[in-house]
Amino acid sequence: MKKLVLAFLAFVLAACARFAPLPPTATQAPTAAPLPTAAPLTHVKLAMGYIPDIQFAPFYVAAQKGYFAQQGIDIEFVTMFENDAIPLIGSNDLQFANVSAEQVVQARAQDLPAKYVMKWWEKYPIAIVAKKSSGIAAPSDLAGRKVGLPGLYGASYVGLRALLNSQNIAEGDLQLESIGFTQAEALSAGLVEAAVVYANNEPVKLAAQGEAINVIYVSQFIDLASNGLVTNEQTIKDHPELVRGMVAAVLQGLADTLADPDAAFDLSRKYLTTLTEADAPVARAVLAASIDMWKTDRPGISDKARWETTQATLLDMKLIPSAVDVEQAFTNEFVK
């Protein structure tokens, strides 16, 4: 009987051993499935103006918050004058740039296939600044006065001429002085009586220095197409989703900047490597003035009438030989 019981127990133990899980060994460890490889980002250079500046905050915010990366873009900001960027855009040696609208019209007149794909500035940023003591407070006060500007080119010159044309004032009625980008210094030193400036920049800095000034805003007298994101027809044809991604990232950066300027300022400081603590309050004021010129209920959308007014000014200035089809100079396709 005892032998029978022992035999039965042996049978039970053998059965348990048969069905019990084996202890894991190195060779039996489950193999994890490989993770999917993320698609590589597309490297994109974006021309941003001749120096890093707080006015480019929407782009800095988009980069810092990963909006470009979310669109599959590895963004690189490069600095150059817009009149140097636009030929590179036309030849497709550069795919994207921040450029003023009149540069695009001039490029099209030279058969360069530049195309404006996103409006950034709602108000044209050019203005005339003068000391209050000069008595210059309206366009009509400029007649016979010495007016400084960077040179007879670019947005400053176009903005001045558009303002004068709107008030039936001839360029020859003013004493124009080419002073480079020294407008604030030249005005403070009395070298000129008024200066053509960016409304969000030099007036803010002059006021911070204690100068009592008057500002004549071009946008109060005439509606011109302003600065925005520009590419070329080849990029639109070959890489439309890249264009759409660039526009989406910048518009999100712009929206965030408008919603929280303080956070935008803090995020932008990474790119403003020469900005000192002493200069930070003025830079913050420049951002506030810029935001006032970006606000719109139609972000990114271009208006044909403004482009036609811009072209009419360029024709009057003889900066283009004949009219171009302005509807080929811009598109709202990538904003909608």
C-alpha atoms as a PDB file:
ATOM      1  CA  MET A   1       0.000   0.000   0.000  1.00  0.00           C
ATOM      2  CA  LYS A   2       2.798   2.391   0.946  1.00  0.00           C
ATOM      3  CA  LYS A   3       4.492   1.725  -2.385  1.00  0.00           C
ATOM      4  CA  LEU A   4       1.244   2.486  -4.210  1.00  0.00           C
ATOM      5  CA  VAL A   5       0.903   5.882  -2.481  1.00  0.00           C
ATOM      6  CA  LEU A   6       4.496   6.832  -3.279  1.00  0.00           C
ATOM      7  CA  ALA A   7       3.999   5.894  -6.904  1.00  0.00           C
ATOM      8  CA  PHE A   8       0.877   8.048  -7.113  1.00  0.00           C
ATOM      9  CA  LEU A   9       2.689  11.076  -5.602  1.00  0.00           C
ATOM     10  CA  ALA A  10       5.527  10.668  -8.073  1.00  0.00           C
ATOM     11  CA  PHE A  11       3.007  10.680 -10.927  1.00  0.00           C
ATOM     12  CA  VAL A  12       1.356  13.898  -9.657  1.00  0.00           C
ATOM     13  CA  LEU A  13       4.686  15.723  -9.253  1.00  0.00           C
ATOM     14  CA  ALA A  14       5.756  14.715 -12.733  1.00  0.00           C
ATOM     15  CA  ALA A  15       2.510  16.059 -14.165  1.00  0.00           C
ATOM     16  CA  CYS A  16       2.917  19.395 -12.341  1.00  0.00           C
ATOM     17  CA  ALA A  17       6.457  19.694 -13.552  1.00  0.00           C
ATOM     18  CA  ARG A  18       5.280  19.063 -17.084  1.00  0.00           C
ATOM     19  CA  PHE A  19       2.836  21.982 -17.093  1.00  0.00           C
ATOM     20  CA  ALA A  20       4.681  24.443 -14.803  1.00  0.00           C
ATOM     21  CA  PRO A  21       6.251  27.432 -16.577  1.00  0.00           C
ATOM     22  CA  LEU A  22       9.971  27.209 -17.061  1.00  0.00           C
ATOM     23  CA  PRO A  23      12.142  29.835 -15.386  1.00  0.00           C
ATOM     24  CA  PRO A  24      13.214  32.540 -17.838  1.00  0.00           C
ATOM     25  CA  THR A  25      16.678  32.307 -19.313  1.00  0.00           C
ATOM     26  CA  ALA A  26      18.689  34.749 -21.394  1.00  0.00           C
ATOM     27  CA  THR A  27      17.852  32.836 -24.548  1.00  0.00           C
ATOM     28  CA  GLN A  28      14.150  32.714 -23.753  1.00  0.00           C
ATOM     29  CA  ALA A  29      13.637  36.459 -23.039  1.00  0.00           C
ATOM     30  CA  PRO A  30      10.976  37.944 -25.322  1.00  0.00           C
ATOM     31  CA  THR A  31      12.316  40.175 -28.100  1.00  0.00           C
ATOM     32  CA  ALA A  32      10.785  43.694 -28.224  1.00  0.00           C
ATOM     33  CA  ALA A  33       9.440  44.816 -31.578  1.00  0.00           C
ATOM     34  CA  PRO A  34      11.610  47.573 -33.113  1.00  0.00           C
ATOM     35  CA  LEU A  35      10.258  51.102 -32.621  1.00  0.00           C
ATOM     36  CA  PRO A  36       9.249  52.942 -35.780  1.00  0.00           C
ATOM     37  CA  THR A  37      11.934  55.341 -36.996  1.00  0.00           C
ATOM     38  CA  ALA A  38      10.868  58.996 -37.022  1.00  0.00           C
ATOM     39  CA  ALA A  39      10.991  60.624 -40.435  1.00  0.00           C
ATOM     40  CA  PRO A  40      14.043  62.877 -40.794  1.00  0.00           C
ATOM     41  CA  LEU A  41      13.386  66.611 -40.558  1.00  0.00           C
ATOM     42  CA  THR A  42      13.766  68.754 -43.665  1.00  0.00           C
ATOM     43  CA  HIS A  43      16.461  71.384 -43.151  1.00  0.00           C
ATOM     44  CA  VAL A  44      15.205  74.838 -44.134  1.00  0.00           C
ATOM     45  CA  LYS A  45      17.086  78.136 -44.146  1.00  0.00           C
ATOM     46  CA  LEU A  46      14.967  81.226 -43.507  1.00  0.00           C
ATOM     47  CA  ALA A  47      16.404  84.676 -44.246  1.00  0.00           C
ATOM     48  CA  MET A  48      15.421  86.962 -41.371  1.00  0.00           C
ATOM     49  CA  GLY A  49      16.877  90.437 -41.858  1.00  0.00           C
ATOM     50  CA  TYR A  50      20.360  91.795 -41.390  1.00  0.00           C
ATOM     51  CA  ILE A  51      20.604  91.202 -37.614  1.00  0.00           C
ATOM     52  CA  PRO A  52      18.694  89.134 -35.035  1.00  0.00           C
ATOM     53  CA  ASP A  53      16.018  91.357 -33.504  1.00  0.00           C
ATOM     54  CA  ILE A  54      13.081  91.117 -31.119  1.00  0.00           C
ATOM     55  CA  GLN A  55      10.741  91.975 -33.998  1.00  0.00           C
ATOM     56  CA  PHE A  56      11.278  88.391 -35.211  1.00  0.00           C
ATOM     57  CA  ALA A  57       9.756  87.031 -31.984  1.00  0.00           C
ATOM     58  CA  PRO A  58       7.000  85.002 -33.720  1.00  0.00           C
ATOM     59  CA  PHE A  59       9.646  82.988 -35.546  1.00  0.00           C
ATOM     60  CA  TYR A  60      11.772  82.514 -32.445  1.00  0.00           C
ATOM     61  CA  VAL A  61       8.697  81.371 -30.507  1.00  0.00           C
ATOM     62  CA  ALA A  62       7.781  78.903 -33.254  1.00  0.00           C
ATOM     63  CA  ALA A  63      11.285  77.442 -33.106  1.00  0.00           C
ATOM     64  CA  GLN A  64      11.491  77.301 -29.309  1.00  0.00           C
ATOM     65  CA  LYS A  65       8.063  75.696 -28.931  1.00  0.00           C
ATOM     66  CA  GLY A  66       8.795  73.081 -31.578  1.00  0.00           C
ATOM     67  CA  TYR A  67       6.209  74.250 -34.102  1.00  0.00           C
ATOM     68  CA  PHE A  68       8.638  73.937 -37.014  1.00  0.00           C
ATOM     69  CA  ALA A  69       9.709  70.474 -35.855  1.00  0.00           C
ATOM     70  CA  GLN A  70       6.064  69.412 -35.596  1.00  0.00           C
ATOM     71  CA  GLN A  71       5.778  70.251 -39.292  1.00  0.00           C
ATOM     72  CA  GLY A  72       8.856  68.149 -40.093  1.00  0.00           C
ATOM     73  CA  ILE A  73      11.128  71.184 -40.434  1.00  0.00           C
ATOM     74  CA  ASP A  74      14.633  71.714 -39.041  1.00  0.00           C
ATOM     75  CA  ILE A  75      14.714  75.514 -39.149  1.00  0.00           C
ATOM     76  CA  GLU A  76      17.865  77.615 -39.486  1.00  0.00           C
ATOM     77  CA  PHE A  77      17.658  81.399 -39.267  1.00  0.00           C
ATOM     78  CA  VAL A  78      20.130  83.255 -41.482  1.00  0.00           C
ATOM     79  CA  THR A  79      20.703  87.005 -41.605  1.00  0.00           C
ATOM     80  CA  MET A  80      20.899  89.074 -44.770  1.00  0.00           C
ATOM     81  CA  PHE A  81      19.373  92.176 -46.311  1.00  0.00           C
ATOM     82  CA  GLU A  82      16.108  91.480 -48.083  1.00  0.00           C
ATOM     83  CA  ASN A  83      17.429  92.855 -51.371  1.00  0.00           C
ATOM     84  CA  ASP A  84      20.143  90.176 -51.142  1.00  0.00           C
ATOM     85  CA  ALA A  85      17.645  87.465 -50.209  1.00  0.00           C
ATOM     86  CA  ILE A  86      15.162  88.047 -53.022  1.00  0.00           C
ATOM     87  CA  PRO A  87      17.519  87.122 -55.922  1.00  0.00           C
ATOM     88  CA  LEU A  88      18.398  83.906 -54.068  1.00  0.00           C
ATOM     89  CA  ILE A  89      14.695  83.177 -53.690  1.00  0.00           C
ATOM     90  CA  GLY A  90      14.200  83.801 -57.397  1.00  0.00           C
ATOM     91  CA  SER A  91      17.004  81.404 -58.365  1.00  0.00           C
ATOM     92  CA  ASN A  92      15.828  78.782 -55.818  1.00  0.00           C
ATOM     93  CA  ASP A  93      19.167  78.930 -54.000  1.00  0.00           C
ATOM     94  CA  LEU A  94      17.104  79.964 -50.966  1.00  0.00           C
ATOM     95  CA  GLN A  95      13.582  78.712 -50.385  1.00  0.00           C
ATOM     96  CA  PHE A  96      12.176  81.084 -47.733  1.00  0.00           C
ATOM     97  CA  ALA A  97      12.696  84.673 -46.576  1.00  0.00           C
ATOM     98  CA  ASN A  98      10.986  87.468 -44.675  1.00  0.00           C
ATOM     99  CA  VAL A  99      10.599  90.133 -47.328  1.00  0.00           C
ATOM    100  CA  SER A 100       8.592  93.314 -47.849  1.00  0.00           C
ATOM    101  CA  ALA A 101       5.900  93.133 -50.513  1.00  0.00           C
ATOM    102  CA  GLU A 102       7.424  95.753 -52.806  1.00  0.00           C
ATOM    103  CA  GLN A 103      10.513  93.551 -53.158  1.00  0.00           C
ATOM    104  CA  VAL A 104       8.297  90.766 -54.483  1.00  0.00           C
ATOM    105  CA  VAL A 105       6.647  93.045 -57.048  1.00  0.00           C
ATOM    106  CA  GLN A 106      10.065  94.266 -58.204  1.00  0.00           C
ATOM    107  CA  ALA A 107      11.292  90.672 -58.434  1.00  0.00           C
ATOM    108  CA  ARG A 108       8.282  89.672 -60.564  1.00  0.00           C
ATOM    109  CA  ALA A 109       8.980  92.642 -62.834  1.00  0.00           C
ATOM    110  CA  GLN A 110      12.452  91.135 -63.390  1.00  0.00           C
ATOM    111  CA  ASP A 111      10.967  87.692 -64.142  1.00  0.00           C
ATOM    112  CA  LEU A 112      12.097  86.284 -60.803  1.00  0.00           C
ATOM    113  CA  PRO A 113       9.408  83.801 -59.647  1.00  0.00           C
ATOM    114  CA  ALA A 114       9.178  84.978 -56.024  1.00  0.00           C
ATOM    115  CA  LYS A 115       5.824  84.453 -54.324  1.00  0.00           C
ATOM    116  CA  TYR A 116       4.460  85.863 -51.054  1.00  0.00           C
ATOM    117  CA  VAL A 117       2.646  83.116 -49.139  1.00  0.00           C
ATOM    118  CA  MET A 118       1.797  84.640 -45.752  1.00  0.00           C
ATOM    119  CA  LYS A 119       1.126  88.176 -44.586  1.00  0.00           C
ATOM    120  CA  TRP A 120       2.919  88.949 -41.320  1.00  0.00           C
ATOM    121  CA  TRP A 121       2.567  92.723 -40.790  1.00  0.00           C
ATOM    122  CA  GLU A 122      -0.953  94.120 -40.898  1.00  0.00           C
ATOM    123  CA  LYS A 123       0.223  97.752 -40.932  1.00  0.00           C
ATOM    124  CA  TYR A 124       2.988  99.021 -43.175  1.00  0.00           C
ATOM    125  CA  PRO A 125       5.850  99.626 -40.715  1.00  0.00           C
ATOM    126  CA  ILE A 126       7.431 102.765 -42.174  1.00  0.00           C
ATOM    127  CA  ALA A 127       7.031 106.140 -40.450  1.00  0.00           C
ATOM    128  CA  ILE A 128       8.577 109.599 -40.286  1.00  0.00           C
ATOM    129  CA  VAL A 129       9.911 110.733 -36.923  1.00  0.00           C
ATOM    130  CA  ALA A 130      10.857 114.274 -35.940  1.00  0.00           C
ATOM    131  CA  LYS A 131      11.523 116.213 -32.753  1.00  0.00           C
ATOM    132  CA  LYS A 132       8.469 118.062 -31.489  1.00  0.00           C
ATOM    133  CA  SER A 133      10.537 121.232 -31.472  1.00  0.00           C
ATOM    134  CA  SER A 134      10.888 120.995 -35.278  1.00  0.00           C
ATOM    135  CA  GLY A 135       7.176 121.605 -35.796  1.00  0.00           C
ATOM    136  CA  ILE A 136       6.966 118.610 -38.133  1.00  0.00           C
ATOM    137  CA  ALA A 137       3.723 116.825 -37.267  1.00  0.00           C
ATOM    138  CA  ALA A 138       2.050 116.155 -40.637  1.00  0.00           C
ATOM    139  CA  PRO A 139       3.229 115.229 -44.145  1.00  0.00           C
ATOM    140  CA  SER A 140       2.754 118.794 -45.363  1.00  0.00           C
ATOM    141  CA  ASP A 141       5.313 119.954 -42.789  1.00  0.00           C
ATOM    142  CA  LEU A 142       8.072 118.007 -44.574  1.00  0.00           C
ATOM    143  CA  ALA A 143       8.321 120.424 -47.494  1.00  0.00           C
ATOM    144  CA  GLY A 144      11.686 122.170 -47.535  1.00  0.00           C
ATOM    145  CA  ARG A 145      13.006 120.076 -44.615  1.00  0.00           C
ATOM    146  CA  LYS A 146      16.099 117.883 -44.434  1.00  0.00           C
ATOM    147  CA  VAL A 147      14.871 114.292 -44.188  1.00  0.00           C
ATOM    148  CA  GLY A 148      17.234 111.389 -43.573  1.00  0.00           C
ATOM    149  CA  LEU A 149      16.701 107.833 -44.760  1.00  0.00           C
ATOM    150  CA  PRO A 150      18.928 104.776 -45.270  1.00  0.00           C
ATOM    151  CA  GLY A 151      19.079 105.402 -49.018  1.00  0.00           C
ATOM    152  CA  LEU A 152      16.986 105.659 -52.155  1.00  0.00           C
ATOM    153  CA  TYR A 153      15.957 102.002 -52.007  1.00  0.00           C
ATOM    154  CA  GLY A 154      13.955  99.506 -49.997  1.00  0.00           C
ATOM    155  CA  ALA A 155      10.849  99.791 -47.856  1.00  0.00           C
ATOM    156  CA  SER A 156      11.881 103.116 -46.303  1.00  0.00           C
ATOM    157  CA  TYR A 157      12.115 104.862 -49.659  1.00  0.00           C
ATOM    158  CA  VAL A 158       8.956 103.233 -51.022  1.00  0.00           C
ATOM    159  CA  GLY A 159       7.036 104.121 -47.865  1.00  0.00           C
ATOM    160  CA  LEU A 160       8.184 107.736 -48.017  1.00  0.00           C
ATOM    161  CA  ARG A 161       7.234 108.087 -51.678  1.00  0.00           C
ATOM    162  CA  ALA A 162       3.849 106.470 -51.104  1.00  0.00           C
ATOM    163  CA  LEU A 163       3.176 108.923 -48.277  1.00  0.00           C
ATOM    164  CA  LEU A 164       4.224 111.909 -50.394  1.00  0.00           C
ATOM    165  CA  ASN A 165       2.154 110.725 -53.367  1.00  0.00           C
ATOM    166  CA  SER A 166      -0.928 110.325 -51.188  1.00  0.00           C
ATOM    167  CA  GLN A 167      -0.593 113.977 -50.153  1.00  0.00           C
ATOM    168  CA  ASN A 168       0.399 115.336 -53.593  1.00  0.00           C
ATOM    169  CA  ILE A 169       3.865 116.280 -52.360  1.00  0.00           C
ATOM    170  CA  ALA A 170       6.796 115.953 -54.770  1.00  0.00           C
ATOM    171  CA  GLU A 171       9.987 114.230 -53.671  1.00  0.00           C
ATOM    172  CA  GLY A 172      11.874 117.287 -54.874  1.00  0.00           C
ATOM    173  CA  ASP A 173      10.086 119.411 -52.274  1.00  0.00           C
ATOM    174  CA  LEU A 174      12.167 117.678 -49.575  1.00  0.00           C
ATOM    175  CA  GLN A 175      15.918 117.676 -48.951  1.00  0.00           C
ATOM    176  CA  LEU A 176      16.657 113.953 -48.827  1.00  0.00           C
ATOM    177  CA  GLU A 177      19.849 112.778 -47.128  1.00  0.00           C
ATOM    178  CA  SER A 178      21.134 109.195 -47.332  1.00  0.00           C
ATOM    179  CA  ILE A 179      22.337 108.440 -43.792  1.00  0.00           C
ATOM    180  CA  GLY A 180      22.384 104.643 -43.646  1.00  0.00           C
ATOM    181  CA  PHE A 181      20.884 103.025 -40.580  1.00  0.00           C
ATOM    182  CA  THR A 182      21.757 105.916 -38.250  1.00  0.00           C
ATOM    183  CA  GLN A 183      18.347 107.591 -38.173  1.00  0.00           C
ATOM    184  CA  ALA A 184      18.010 107.907 -34.391  1.00  0.00           C
ATOM    185  CA  GLU A 185      21.556 109.188 -33.947  1.00  0.00           C
ATOM    186  CA  ALA A 186      21.302 111.634 -36.853  1.00  0.00           C
ATOM    187  CA  LEU A 187      18.019 113.048 -35.570  1.00  0.00           C
ATOM    188  CA  SER A 188      19.293 113.398 -32.004  1.00  0.00           C
ATOM    189  CA  ALA A 189      22.438 115.137 -33.217  1.00  0.00           C
ATOM    190  CA  GLY A 190      20.467 117.564 -35.379  1.00  0.00           C
ATOM    191  CA  LEU A 191      22.023 116.324 -38.622  1.00  0.00           C
ATOM    192  CA  VAL A 192      18.530 115.929 -40.092  1.00  0.00           C
ATOM    193  CA  GLU A 193      15.170 117.458 -39.175  1.00  0.00           C
ATOM    194  CA  ALA A 194      13.202 114.252 -39.729  1.00  0.00           C
ATOM    195  CA  ALA A 195      14.036 110.634 -40.468  1.00  0.00           C
ATOM    196  CA  VAL A 196      12.346 107.744 -42.246  1.00  0.00           C
ATOM    197  CA  VAL A 197      12.234 104.864 -39.780  1.00  0.00           C
ATOM    198  CA  TYR A 198      10.531 101.639 -38.827  1.00  0.00           C
ATOM    199  CA  ALA A 199       7.617 102.714 -36.651  1.00  0.00           C
ATOM    200  CA  ASN A 200       8.209  99.937 -34.133  1.00  0.00           C
ATOM    201  CA  ASN A 201      11.898 100.674 -33.666  1.00  0.00           C
ATOM    202  CA  GLU A 202      13.549 104.091 -33.716  1.00  0.00           C
ATOM    203  CA  PRO A 203      10.589 106.049 -32.244  1.00  0.00           C
ATOM    204  CA  VAL A 204      10.555 103.660 -29.282  1.00  0.00           C
ATOM    205  CA  LYS A 205      14.286 104.060 -28.737  1.00  0.00           C
ATOM    206  CA  LEU A 206      14.188 107.842 -29.087  1.00  0.00           C
ATOM    207  CA  ALA A 207      11.334 108.106 -26.592  1.00  0.00           C
ATOM    208  CA  ALA A 208      13.290 105.898 -24.175  1.00  0.00           C
ATOM    209  CA  GLN A 209      16.173 108.361 -24.445  1.00  0.00           C
ATOM    210  CA  GLY A 210      13.863 111.177 -23.398  1.00  0.00           C
ATOM    211  CA  GLU A 211      13.385 112.767 -26.820  1.00  0.00           C
ATOM    212  CA  ALA A 212      10.028 114.494 -27.334  1.00  0.00           C
ATOM    213  CA  ILE A 213       8.997 113.331 -30.802  1.00  0.00           C
ATOM    214  CA  ASN A 214       6.216 113.350 -33.365  1.00  0.00           C
ATOM    215  CA  VAL A 215       5.588 110.267 -35.497  1.00  0.00           C
ATOM    216  CA  ILE A 216       3.873 110.294 -38.899  1.00  0.00           C
ATOM    217  CA  TYR A 217       2.723 106.757 -39.725  1.00  0.00           C
ATOM    218  CA  VAL A 218       2.568 105.913 -43.429  1.00  0.00           C
ATOM    219  CA  SER A 219      -0.224 103.407 -42.709  1.00  0.00           C
ATOM    220  CA  GLN A 220      -2.481 106.240 -41.532  1.00  0.00           C
ATOM    221  CA  PHE A 221      -2.442 107.766 -45.017  1.00  0.00           C
ATOM    222  CA  ILE A 222      -2.127 104.849 -47.448  1.00  0.00           C
ATOM    223  CA  ASP A 223      -2.597 101.058 -47.357  1.00  0.00           C
ATOM    224  CA  LEU A 224       0.423  99.216 -48.734  1.00  0.00           C
ATOM    225  CA  ALA A 225       1.123  95.493 -48.706  1.00  0.00           C
ATOM    226  CA  SER A 226       3.686  94.845 -46.000  1.00  0.00           C
ATOM    227  CA  ASN A 227       6.236  92.283 -44.822  1.00  0.00           C
ATOM    228  CA  GLY A 228       5.572  88.559 -44.969  1.00  0.00           C
ATOM    229  CA  LEU A 229       6.858  85.080 -45.741  1.00  0.00           C
ATOM    230  CA  VAL A 230       8.115  84.586 -49.285  1.00  0.00           C
ATOM    231  CA  THR A 231       9.118  81.516 -51.287  1.00  0.00           C
ATOM    232  CA  ASN A 232       9.283  80.731 -55.014  1.00  0.00           C
ATOM    233  CA  GLU A 233       7.136  78.950 -57.565  1.00  0.00           C
ATOM    234  CA  GLN A 234       9.476  75.952 -57.807  1.00  0.00           C
ATOM    235  CA  THR A 235       9.236  75.252 -54.083  1.00  0.00           C
ATOM    236  CA  ILE A 236       5.453  75.605 -54.215  1.00  0.00           C
ATOM    237  CA  LYS A 237       5.291  73.147 -57.124  1.00  0.00           C
ATOM    238  CA  ASP A 238       7.719  70.555 -55.740  1.00  0.00           C
ATOM    239  CA  HIS A 239       7.107  70.852 -51.991  1.00  0.00           C
ATOM    240  CA  PRO A 240       3.657  72.322 -51.285  1.00  0.00           C
ATOM    241  CA  GLU A 241       3.425  70.577 -47.900  1.00  0.00           C
ATOM    242  CA  LEU A 242       6.715  72.163 -46.859  1.00  0.00           C
ATOM    243  CA  VAL A 243       5.290  75.591 -47.685  1.00  0.00           C
ATOM    244  CA  ARG A 244       2.107  74.779 -45.804  1.00  0.00           C
ATOM    245  CA  GLY A 245       4.133  73.600 -42.811  1.00  0.00           C
ATOM    246  CA  MET A 246       6.233  76.774 -42.746  1.00  0.00           C
ATOM    247  CA  VAL A 247       3.118  78.940 -42.843  1.00  0.00           C
ATOM    248  CA  ALA A 248       1.388  76.911 -40.124  1.00  0.00           C
ATOM    249  CA  ALA A 249       4.408  77.055 -37.806  1.00  0.00           C
ATOM    250  CA  VAL A 250       4.877  80.812 -38.206  1.00  0.00           C
ATOM    251  CA  LEU A 251       1.183  81.580 -37.729  1.00  0.00           C
ATOM    252  CA  GLN A 252       1.176  79.539 -34.517  1.00  0.00           C
ATOM    253  CA  GLY A 253       4.261  81.402 -33.306  1.00  0.00           C
ATOM    254  CA  LEU A 254       2.571  84.695 -34.162  1.00  0.00           C
ATOM    255  CA  ALA A 255      -0.615  83.721 -32.314  1.00  0.00           C
ATOM    256  CA  ASP A 256       1.370  82.749 -29.218  1.00  0.00           C
ATOM    257  CA  THR A 257       3.331  86.006 -29.335  1.00  0.00           C
ATOM    258  CA  LEU A 258       0.144  88.053 -29.495  1.00  0.00           C
ATOM    259  CA  ALA A 259      -1.413  86.028 -26.672  1.00  0.00           C
ATOM    260  CA  ASP A 260       1.558  86.191 -24.277  1.00  0.00           C
ATOM    261  CA  PRO A 261       4.137  88.857 -25.189  1.00  0.00           C
ATOM    262  CA  ASP A 262       6.127  88.398 -21.980  1.00  0.00           C
ATOM    263  CA  ALA A 263       6.632  84.686 -22.619  1.00  0.00           C
ATOM    264  CA  ALA A 264       7.502  85.448 -26.246  1.00  0.00           C
ATOM    265  CA  PHE A 265      10.094  87.969 -25.133  1.00  0.00           C
ATOM    266  CA  ASP A 266      11.694  85.463 -22.761  1.00  0.00           C
ATOM    267  CA  LEU A 267      11.795  82.740 -25.429  1.00  0.00           C
ATOM    268  CA  SER A 268      13.311  85.145 -27.963  1.00  0.00           C
ATOM    269  CA  ARG A 269      16.240  86.137 -25.771  1.00  0.00           C
ATOM    270  CA  LYS A 270      18.108  82.952 -26.726  1.00  0.00           C
ATOM    271  CA  TYR A 271      18.563  84.456 -30.189  1.00  0.00           C
ATOM    272  CA  LEU A 272      19.367  87.997 -29.007  1.00  0.00           C
ATOM    273  CA  THR A 273      22.858  87.211 -27.795  1.00  0.00           C
ATOM    274  CA  THR A 274      23.988  90.836 -27.599  1.00  0.00           C
ATOM    275  CA  LEU A 275      20.944  92.081 -25.661  1.00  0.00           C
ATOM    276  CA  THR A 276      22.001  93.369 -22.237  1.00  0.00           C
ATOM    277  CA  GLU A 277      19.825  93.674 -19.157  1.00  0.00           C
ATOM    278  CA  ALA A 278      20.098  97.444 -19.475  1.00  0.00           C
ATOM    279  CA  ASP A 279      18.666  97.326 -23.005  1.00  0.00           C
ATOM    280  CA  ALA A 280      15.994  94.714 -22.270  1.00  0.00           C
ATOM    281  CA  PRO A 281      13.217  97.213 -21.331  1.00  0.00           C
ATOM    282  CA  VAL A 282      13.613  99.030 -24.653  1.00  0.00           C
ATOM    283  CA  ALA A 283      13.556  95.736 -26.562  1.00  0.00           C
ATOM    284  CA  ARG A 284      10.385  94.776 -24.706  1.00  0.00           C
ATOM    285  CA  ALA A 285       8.837  98.112 -25.726  1.00  0.00           C
ATOM    286  CA  VAL A 286       9.867  97.468 -29.348  1.00  0.00           C
ATOM    287  CA  LEU A 287       8.046  94.136 -29.170  1.00  0.00           C
ATOM    288  CA  ALA A 288       4.916  95.861 -27.835  1.00  0.00           C
ATOM    289  CA  ALA A 289       5.026  98.388 -30.684  1.00  0.00           C
ATOM    290  CA  SER A 290       5.526  95.573 -33.193  1.00  0.00           C
ATOM    291  CA  ILE A 291       2.573  93.616 -31.840  1.00  0.00           C
ATOM    292  CA  ASP A 292       0.367  96.653 -32.402  1.00  0.00           C
ATOM    293  CA  MET A 293       1.307  96.493 -36.095  1.00  0.00           C
ATOM    294  CA  TRP A 294       0.764  92.724 -36.397  1.00  0.00           C
ATOM    295  CA  LYS A 295      -2.740  92.546 -34.931  1.00  0.00           C
ATOM    296  CA  THR A 296      -5.431  91.563 -37.415  1.00  0.00           C
ATOM    297  CA  ASP A 297      -8.639  89.581 -37.604  1.00  0.00           C
ATOM    298  CA  ARG A 298      -7.328  87.885 -40.768  1.00  0.00           C
ATOM    299  CA  PRO A 299      -3.886  86.502 -39.868  1.00  0.00           C
ATOM    300  CA  GLY A 300      -1.780  85.601 -42.865  1.00  0.00           C
ATOM    301  CA  ILE A 301      -4.329  86.720 -45.483  1.00  0.00           C
ATOM    302  CA  SER A 302      -3.192  89.145 -48.196  1.00  0.00           C
ATOM    303  CA  ASP A 303      -5.430  91.800 -49.715  1.00  0.00           C
ATOM    304  CA  LYS A 304      -5.271  92.386 -53.475  1.00  0.00           C
ATOM    305  CA  ALA A 305      -6.079  96.096 -53.193  1.00  0.00           C
ATOM    306  CA  ARG A 306      -2.998  96.716 -51.066  1.00  0.00           C
ATOM    307  CA  TRP A 307      -0.809  94.967 -53.622  1.00  0.00           C
ATOM    308  CA  GLU A 308      -2.281  97.094 -56.394  1.00  0.00           C
ATOM    309  CA  THR A 309      -1.554 100.262 -54.394  1.00  0.00           C
ATOM    310  CA  THR A 310       1.995  99.059 -53.800  1.00  0.00           C
ATOM    311  CA  GLN A 311       2.492  98.413 -57.508  1.00  0.00           C
ATOM    312  CA  ALA A 312       1.073 101.830 -58.420  1.00  0.00           C
ATOM    313  CA  THR A 313       3.650 103.432 -56.125  1.00  0.00           C
ATOM    314  CA  LEU A 314       6.492 101.447 -57.701  1.00  0.00           C
ATOM    315  CA  LEU A 315       5.332 102.428 -61.188  1.00  0.00           C
ATOM    316  CA  ASP A 316       5.211 106.092 -60.195  1.00  0.00           C
ATOM    317  CA  MET A 317       8.733 105.790 -58.782  1.00  0.00           C
ATOM    318  CA  LYS A 318       9.854 104.051 -62.001  1.00  0.00           C
ATOM    319  CA  LEU A 319      11.205 101.180 -59.905  1.00  0.00           C
ATOM    320  CA  ILE A 320       9.439  98.770 -62.255  1.00  0.00           C
ATOM    321  CA  PRO A 321       9.140  99.297 -66.029  1.00  0.00           C
ATOM    322  CA  SER A 322       5.573  98.027 -66.375  1.00  0.00           C
ATOM    323  CA  ALA A 323       2.767  96.489 -64.359  1.00  0.00           C
ATOM    324  CA  VAL A 324       2.831  92.831 -63.359  1.00  0.00           C
ATOM    325  CA  ASP A 325      -0.077  90.557 -62.497  1.00  0.00           C
ATOM    326  CA  VAL A 326      -0.181  91.124 -58.733  1.00  0.00           C
ATOM    327  CA  GLU A 327      -2.352  88.039 -58.281  1.00  0.00           C
ATOM    328  CA  GLN A 328       0.710  86.023 -59.300  1.00  0.00           C
ATOM    329  CA  ALA A 329       2.849  87.826 -56.720  1.00  0.00           C
ATOM    330  CA  PHE A 330       0.970  86.459 -53.704  1.00  0.00           C
ATOM    331  CA  THR A 331      -1.285  83.587 -52.702  1.00  0.00           C
ATOM    332  CA  ASN A 332      -3.539  82.818 -49.745  1.00  0.00           C
ATOM    333  CA  GLU A 333      -3.630  79.112 -50.639  1.00  0.00           C
ATOM    334  CA  PHE A 334      -1.410  78.034 -47.753  1.00  0.00           C
ATOM    335  CA  VAL A 335      -3.126  80.120 -45.088  1.00  0.00           C
ATOM    336  CA  LYS A 336      -6.652  78.785 -45.513  1.00  0.00           C
END
